[in-house]
Protein backbone atom coordinates (compact mmCIF):
# COMPACT_ATOMS: atom_id res chain seq x y z
CA MET A 1 -0.02 0.09 -0.03
CA ILE A 2 1.22 3.54 -0.82
CA ASN A 3 1.51 5.79 2.18
CA TYR A 4 1.44 9.29 0.63
CA MET A 5 -1.49 11.07 -0.88
CA ILE A 6 -2.02 11.09 -4.47
CA LYS A 7 -3.50 14.41 -5.70
CA ALA A 8 -3.20 14.22 -9.51
CA ILE A 9 -3.50 11.56 -12.24
CA VAL A 10 -1.95 12.38 -15.67
CA PHE A 11 -3.05 10.41 -18.79
CA ASP A 12 -1.32 9.87 -22.19
CA TRP A 13 -3.39 10.03 -25.28
CA GLY A 14 -2.35 7.71 -27.89
CA GLY A 15 -2.16 4.05 -26.38
CA VAL A 16 -4.26 5.12 -23.36
CA LEU A 17 -7.15 7.19 -24.22
CA ILE A 18 -7.37 5.90 -27.63
CA ASP A 19 -5.47 3.14 -29.32
CA ASP A 20 -1.98 3.95 -30.58
CA PRO A 21 -2.77 5.89 -33.75
CA VAL A 22 0.52 6.29 -35.33
CA GLY A 23 0.33 3.56 -38.00
CA GLY A 24 -3.10 4.50 -38.91
CA LEU A 25 -2.18 8.19 -39.48
CA ILE A 26 0.59 7.34 -41.71
CA GLU A 27 -1.49 4.85 -43.67
CA TYR A 28 -4.21 7.60 -44.17
CA CYS A 29 -1.65 10.12 -45.20
CA ALA A 30 0.11 7.60 -47.60
CA ASN A 31 -3.24 6.66 -49.24
CA SER A 32 -4.03 10.27 -49.79
CA LEU A 33 -0.68 10.97 -51.23
CA GLY A 34 -0.79 7.86 -53.34
CA ILE A 35 2.48 6.57 -52.16
CA ASN A 36 3.69 3.39 -50.35
CA LEU A 37 2.98 3.23 -46.67
CA HIS A 38 6.46 2.22 -45.74
CA VAL A 39 8.04 4.79 -47.93
CA LEU A 40 6.13 7.49 -46.13
CA LYS A 41 6.70 5.94 -42.74
CA ASP A 42 10.50 5.96 -43.35
CA ILE A 43 10.81 9.62 -44.32
CA PHE A 44 8.21 10.87 -41.90
CA SER A 45 10.30 9.34 -39.14
CA GLN A 46 13.14 11.88 -40.14
CA TYR A 47 10.91 14.85 -39.11
CA GLN A 48 8.62 13.32 -36.60
CA SER A 49 10.50 14.65 -33.55
CA GLU A 50 10.59 18.17 -35.07
CA PHE A 51 6.79 18.05 -35.84
CA GLU A 52 6.04 16.83 -32.40
CA ARG A 53 8.10 19.65 -30.86
CA GLY A 54 6.32 22.24 -32.82
CA LEU A 55 9.60 23.17 -34.70
CA ILE A 56 8.17 22.48 -38.23
CA SER A 57 4.64 23.32 -39.30
CA GLU A 58 2.55 20.82 -41.23
CA ASN A 59 2.96 22.88 -44.18
CA GLU A 60 6.64 22.67 -43.97
CA LEU A 61 6.58 19.13 -43.16
CA TRP A 62 4.69 18.11 -46.37
CA LYS A 63 6.68 20.64 -48.56
CA VAL A 64 9.91 18.80 -47.59
CA ILE A 65 8.62 15.20 -47.83
CA CYS A 66 6.93 15.82 -51.00
CA SER A 67 10.01 17.41 -52.47
CA ASP A 68 11.96 14.50 -51.28
CA LEU A 69 9.59 12.01 -52.84
CA LYS A 70 9.02 14.12 -55.91
CA ILE A 71 5.21 14.02 -55.57
CA LYS A 72 2.54 16.78 -55.38
CA GLU A 73 1.75 18.41 -51.92
CA PRO A 74 -1.57 17.49 -50.44
CA THR A 75 -4.52 19.78 -51.44
CA SER A 76 -6.17 19.57 -47.96
CA ASN A 77 -5.85 22.58 -45.69
CA SER A 78 -4.60 19.84 -42.93
CA LEU A 79 -4.06 16.51 -44.17
CA TRP A 80 -2.75 15.42 -40.83
CA LYS A 81 -5.91 16.64 -39.01
CA ASP A 82 -7.98 14.81 -41.70
CA ALA A 83 -6.06 11.63 -40.56
CA VAL A 84 -6.64 12.31 -36.91
CA ARG A 85 -10.51 12.66 -37.58
CA ALA A 86 -10.50 9.38 -39.35
CA VAL A 87 -8.25 7.43 -37.01
CA PHE A 88 -8.81 8.54 -33.50
CA LYS A 89 -11.38 6.65 -31.62
CA ASP A 90 -11.98 7.37 -27.95
CA LYS A 91 -11.88 4.56 -25.43
CA LYS A 92 -15.20 5.12 -23.49
CA GLU A 93 -14.22 2.97 -20.61
CA ILE A 94 -11.00 5.03 -20.02
CA PHE A 95 -12.89 8.40 -20.30
CA GLN A 96 -15.35 6.99 -17.78
CA ILE A 97 -12.39 6.35 -15.49
CA VAL A 98 -11.17 9.87 -16.18
CA GLN A 99 -14.63 11.25 -15.22
CA ASN A 100 -15.01 9.13 -12.07
CA LEU A 101 -11.49 10.21 -10.92
CA LYS A 102 -12.43 13.98 -11.44
CA LYS A 103 -15.74 13.54 -9.65
CA SER A 104 -13.68 11.97 -6.71
CA GLY A 105 -11.61 15.17 -6.43
CA TYR A 106 -8.62 14.18 -8.21
CA LYS A 107 -6.74 16.65 -10.54
CA ILE A 108 -6.56 15.27 -13.95
CA GLY A 109 -3.68 16.00 -16.45
CA PHE A 110 -3.15 15.19 -19.90
CA LEU A 111 0.25 14.76 -21.30
CA SER A 112 1.15 13.80 -24.93
CA ASN A 113 3.57 13.92 -27.78
CA THR A 114 1.36 15.82 -30.03
CA GLU A 115 1.55 17.83 -33.32
CA ILE A 116 0.10 21.23 -33.77
CA PRO A 117 -2.87 20.02 -35.98
CA THR A 118 -3.54 17.23 -33.35
CA MET A 119 -3.52 19.76 -30.48
CA GLU A 120 -5.99 21.86 -32.44
CA TYR A 121 -8.37 18.85 -32.91
CA PHE A 122 -8.17 18.23 -29.20
CA TYR A 123 -9.59 21.77 -28.75
CA ASP A 124 -12.00 21.35 -31.54
CA LYS A 125 -13.47 18.27 -29.85
CA LYS A 126 -13.61 20.19 -26.47
CA TYR A 127 -11.56 17.47 -24.74
CA GLU A 128 -10.33 20.03 -22.33
CA ARG A 129 -13.51 19.68 -20.39
CA TYR A 130 -12.13 16.20 -19.11
CA PHE A 131 -8.79 17.59 -17.87
CA ASP A 132 -7.58 20.20 -15.34
CA VAL A 133 -4.33 20.64 -17.35
CA ALA A 134 -3.23 19.64 -20.79
CA VAL A 135 0.36 19.64 -21.88
CA PHE A 136 1.29 19.15 -25.45
CA SER A 137 4.85 18.61 -26.72
CA CYS A 138 4.34 20.85 -29.58
CA ALA A 139 3.48 23.80 -27.30
CA GLU A 140 6.20 23.22 -24.95
CA LYS A 141 8.96 22.50 -27.48
CA THR A 142 9.92 19.26 -25.48
CA VAL A 143 8.90 15.73 -25.80
CA LYS A 144 8.55 12.45 -23.88
CA PRO A 145 10.72 10.97 -22.47
CA GLU A 146 12.59 14.17 -21.83
CA GLU A 147 12.20 15.08 -17.94
CA LYS A 148 11.32 18.66 -18.69
CA ILE A 149 7.80 17.98 -20.06
CA TYR A 150 7.04 15.92 -16.81
CA LEU A 151 8.12 18.72 -14.64
CA ILE A 152 6.06 21.06 -16.81
CA ALA A 153 2.93 19.02 -16.22
CA LEU A 154 3.51 18.75 -12.42
CA LYS A 155 4.14 22.58 -12.23
CA LYS A 156 0.78 23.34 -14.06
CA LEU A 157 -1.11 20.78 -11.78
CA GLN A 158 0.61 22.34 -8.76
CA VAL A 159 1.48 19.20 -7.19
CA LYS A 160 4.72 17.61 -5.88
CA PRO A 161 6.09 14.71 -7.89
CA GLN A 162 5.23 11.98 -5.52
CA GLU A 163 1.60 13.27 -5.36
CA ALA A 164 1.14 12.35 -8.98
CA ILE A 165 0.65 9.26 -11.14
CA PHE A 166 1.38 9.20 -14.75
CA ILE A 167 -0.29 6.79 -16.88
CA ASP A 168 1.25 5.75 -20.34
CA ASP A 169 1.53 2.79 -22.57
CA LYS A 170 5.21 3.14 -23.06
CA PRO A 171 7.45 1.65 -20.21
CA GLU A 172 10.31 3.91 -21.04
CA TYR A 173 8.05 7.03 -20.42
CA ILE A 174 6.92 5.67 -17.14
CA GLU A 175 10.64 5.13 -16.11
CA VAL A 176 11.21 8.86 -16.68
CA ALA A 177 8.03 9.70 -14.59
CA LYS A 178 9.53 7.66 -11.76
CA LYS A 179 13.01 9.33 -12.31
CA VAL A 180 11.68 12.80 -11.57
CA GLY A 181 10.11 11.41 -8.35
CA SER A 182 6.49 10.54 -9.50
CA ASN A 183 4.60 7.39 -9.70
CA GLY A 184 3.74 5.48 -12.90
CA ILE A 185 1.50 2.76 -14.39
CA VAL A 186 2.22 1.15 -17.70
CA PHE A 187 -1.27 1.03 -19.22
CA LYS A 188 -2.45 -2.35 -20.80
CA THR A 189 -6.05 -2.60 -20.21
CA SER A 190 -8.88 -0.77 -18.25
CA ASP A 191 -9.11 -3.59 -15.72
CA GLN A 192 -5.41 -3.67 -15.12
CA LEU A 193 -5.48 0.25 -14.81
CA LYS A 194 -8.26 -0.05 -12.11
CA LYS A 195 -6.24 -2.85 -10.22
CA GLU A 196 -2.97 -0.65 -10.18
CA LEU A 197 -4.86 2.40 -9.11
CA ALA A 198 -6.26 0.49 -6.20
CA LEU A 199 -2.68 -0.06 -5.09
CA PHE A 200 -2.75 3.75 -4.47
CA SER A 201 -6.05 3.46 -2.49
CA ILE A 202 -7.89 4.84 -5.54
CA ASP A 203 -11.23 3.33 -6.17
CA ILE A 204 -12.64 4.05 -9.58
CA ASP A 205 -16.18 2.82 -9.16
């Protein structure tokens, strides 16, 4: 049993609140551009970090990718946001956990390696109503697993590291949460999440 008081619980987006969307996003964009999925995946990986850090705009991204591949740039105002709309599917059972935790008085955080168009989609869909604090890599110019982005989330939540739990599907991201003094749960299923939260004396139902 954990002895100290948990005040905040921070959720990852892709892989926790929704299924991991990366493959679907690349596939959607590859189909729209009429190119091979693996070709786009390889070249996108060269610019992914800059895109997630908000250091390169979507227009700049497609300009350089399409130039490299010698293909026409997308005609959509935001091909990436089109892909997000098509691929992102909320896990209702996880959002219910979020709502139950919030009703129980916990501060609820959101922390994601997210591109500018995806962040815009978050606000388009009014997801901010579920969270007390939302931290996006593209807005902060830092990404998981860099310690800085975890510290930003903690500061915005106004809690000490040991008073927060970070929930993420990537074990290496949870290791960094623990490195900065916080608690972490590697997400697998909703039932597993409930069981692990119970170890912190947190009852979901």
